[in-house]
Amino acid sequence: MGSTDHRYEVPVEKVQRALKVSKEYKEKLKQLYGNKVVSKFSKDAVDCPVLGKKVSFLVCLGCPNYVRRFKGVVHCKGEPLSEEPT
């Protein structure tokens, strides 16, 4: 088999209320991905293996460890971060 480009496969969870993400960070994502994508993913959350806590999928989307989201699972490189992405 080939080598993988990710260390973790983290399931995406739907949450009732969107988790807190700073406005500046959200605006950056809207410029990159569009308003429709950001609003669609704002009520998704993941248990981040790097930060060790539940975060909004939007935080995950902008993280340098993010590889892809495929069938409700986020593929994550799992490398240490110099600073928290929010």
C-alpha atoms as a PDB file:
ATOM      1  CA  MET A   1       0.000   0.000   0.000  1.00  0.00           C
ATOM      2  CA  GLY A   2       1.065   3.627  -0.493  1.00  0.00           C
ATOM      3  CA  SER A   3       2.016   6.099   2.189  1.00  0.00           C
ATOM      4  CA  THR A   4      -0.673   8.343   3.622  1.00  0.00           C
ATOM      5  CA  ASP A   5      -0.632  12.131   3.745  1.00  0.00           C
ATOM      6  CA  HIS A   6      -2.459  12.271   7.081  1.00  0.00           C
ATOM      7  CA  ARG A   7      -2.104  10.857  10.587  1.00  0.00           C
ATOM      8  CA  TYR A   8      -5.648  11.298  11.927  1.00  0.00           C
ATOM      9  CA  GLU A   9      -9.129  10.694  10.586  1.00  0.00           C
ATOM     10  CA  VAL A  10     -11.484  12.790  12.700  1.00  0.00           C
ATOM     11  CA  PRO A  11     -15.287  12.408  12.348  1.00  0.00           C
ATOM     12  CA  VAL A  12     -17.303  15.581  11.765  1.00  0.00           C
ATOM     13  CA  GLU A  13     -20.203  16.173  14.185  1.00  0.00           C
ATOM     14  CA  LYS A  14     -23.301  18.319  13.679  1.00  0.00           C
ATOM     15  CA  VAL A  15     -23.930  20.688  16.603  1.00  0.00           C
ATOM     16  CA  GLN A  16     -27.095  22.599  17.563  1.00  0.00           C
ATOM     17  CA  ARG A  17     -25.353  25.964  17.906  1.00  0.00           C
ATOM     18  CA  ALA A  18     -22.290  27.046  15.979  1.00  0.00           C
ATOM     19  CA  LEU A  19     -19.092  27.140  18.044  1.00  0.00           C
ATOM     20  CA  LYS A  20     -17.448  30.544  18.506  1.00  0.00           C
ATOM     21  CA  VAL A  21     -15.109  31.689  15.727  1.00  0.00           C
ATOM     22  CA  SER A  22     -13.671  35.209  15.490  1.00  0.00           C
ATOM     23  CA  LYS A  23     -15.220  37.535  12.900  1.00  0.00           C
ATOM     24  CA  GLU A  24     -11.850  38.290  11.268  1.00  0.00           C
ATOM     25  CA  TYR A  25     -11.143  34.586  10.819  1.00  0.00           C
ATOM     26  CA  LYS A  26     -14.618  33.975   9.363  1.00  0.00           C
ATOM     27  CA  GLU A  27     -14.186  36.864   6.911  1.00  0.00           C
ATOM     28  CA  LYS A  28     -10.881  35.405   5.694  1.00  0.00           C
ATOM     29  CA  LEU A  29     -12.576  32.061   5.062  1.00  0.00           C
ATOM     30  CA  LYS A  30     -15.474  33.763   3.252  1.00  0.00           C
ATOM     31  CA  GLN A  31     -12.968  35.395   0.879  1.00  0.00           C
ATOM     32  CA  LEU A  32     -11.285  32.046   0.203  1.00  0.00           C
ATOM     33  CA  TYR A  33     -14.278  29.692   0.042  1.00  0.00           C
ATOM     34  CA  GLY A  34     -17.380  31.883  -0.281  1.00  0.00           C
ATOM     35  CA  ASN A  35     -20.238  32.786   2.025  1.00  0.00           C
ATOM     36  CA  LYS A  36     -22.296  29.692   1.164  1.00  0.00           C
ATOM     37  CA  VAL A  37     -19.543  27.248   2.182  1.00  0.00           C
ATOM     38  CA  VAL A  38     -18.789  29.078   5.429  1.00  0.00           C
ATOM     39  CA  SER A  39     -22.446  29.170   6.495  1.00  0.00           C
ATOM     40  CA  LYS A  40     -22.916  25.505   5.525  1.00  0.00           C
ATOM     41  CA  PHE A  41     -19.973  24.341   7.660  1.00  0.00           C
ATOM     42  CA  SER A  42     -20.464  26.714  10.625  1.00  0.00           C
ATOM     43  CA  LYS A  43     -22.602  24.179  12.552  1.00  0.00           C
ATOM     44  CA  ASP A  44     -20.052  21.384  12.126  1.00  0.00           C
ATOM     45  CA  ALA A  45     -17.473  20.559  14.802  1.00  0.00           C
ATOM     46  CA  VAL A  46     -14.520  18.194  15.232  1.00  0.00           C
ATOM     47  CA  ASP A  47     -12.532  16.900  18.220  1.00  0.00           C
ATOM     48  CA  CYS A  48      -9.152  18.313  17.229  1.00  0.00           C
ATOM     49  CA  PRO A  49      -6.319  15.846  17.993  1.00  0.00           C
ATOM     50  CA  VAL A  50      -3.715  18.641  17.873  1.00  0.00           C
ATOM     51  CA  LEU A  51      -5.456  21.195  20.120  1.00  0.00           C
ATOM     52  CA  GLY A  52      -7.067  18.509  22.284  1.00  0.00           C
ATOM     53  CA  LYS A  53     -10.527  20.086  22.302  1.00  0.00           C
ATOM     54  CA  LYS A  54     -13.707  20.387  20.258  1.00  0.00           C
ATOM     55  CA  VAL A  55     -13.457  23.167  17.674  1.00  0.00           C
ATOM     56  CA  SER A  56     -15.590  24.471  14.848  1.00  0.00           C
ATOM     57  CA  PHE A  57     -14.923  22.836  11.489  1.00  0.00           C
ATOM     58  CA  LEU A  58     -14.150  26.345  10.199  1.00  0.00           C
ATOM     59  CA  VAL A  59     -11.098  26.423  12.490  1.00  0.00           C
ATOM     60  CA  CYS A  60     -10.088  23.044  11.098  1.00  0.00           C
ATOM     61  CA  LEU A  61     -10.613  24.218   7.502  1.00  0.00           C
ATOM     62  CA  GLY A  62      -8.118  27.051   7.940  1.00  0.00           C
ATOM     63  CA  CYS A  63      -5.547  24.984   9.850  1.00  0.00           C
ATOM     64  CA  PRO A  64      -2.229  24.088   8.146  1.00  0.00           C
ATOM     65  CA  ASN A  65      -2.764  20.456   9.247  1.00  0.00           C
ATOM     66  CA  TYR A  66      -6.025  20.184   7.283  1.00  0.00           C
ATOM     67  CA  VAL A  67      -5.682  17.809   4.311  1.00  0.00           C
ATOM     68  CA  ARG A  68      -9.279  17.129   3.187  1.00  0.00           C
ATOM     69  CA  ARG A  69     -12.826  16.414   4.281  1.00  0.00           C
ATOM     70  CA  PHE A  70     -14.187  13.214   2.803  1.00  0.00           C
ATOM     71  CA  LYS A  71     -17.538  11.551   3.617  1.00  0.00           C
ATOM     72  CA  GLY A  72     -17.911  13.213   7.016  1.00  0.00           C
ATOM     73  CA  VAL A  73     -14.314  12.605   8.082  1.00  0.00           C
ATOM     74  CA  VAL A  74     -11.498  15.173   8.260  1.00  0.00           C
ATOM     75  CA  HIS A  75      -8.004  13.998   7.365  1.00  0.00           C
ATOM     76  CA  CYS A  76      -5.450  15.774   9.569  1.00  0.00           C
ATOM     77  CA  LYS A  77      -1.625  15.759   9.419  1.00  0.00           C
ATOM     78  CA  GLY A  78      -1.445  16.025  13.231  1.00  0.00           C
ATOM     79  CA  GLU A  79       1.708  18.146  13.360  1.00  0.00           C
ATOM     80  CA  PRO A  80       2.248  20.593  16.277  1.00  0.00           C
ATOM     81  CA  LEU A  81       1.048  24.154  15.681  1.00  0.00           C
ATOM     82  CA  SER A  82       3.073  27.259  16.504  1.00  0.00           C
ATOM     83  CA  GLU A  83      -0.140  29.126  17.392  1.00  0.00           C
ATOM     84  CA  GLU A  84      -3.857  28.385  17.647  1.00  0.00           C
ATOM     85  CA  PRO A  85      -5.569  29.091  14.293  1.00  0.00           C
ATOM     86  CA  THR A  86      -8.568  31.096  15.618  1.00  0.00           C
END
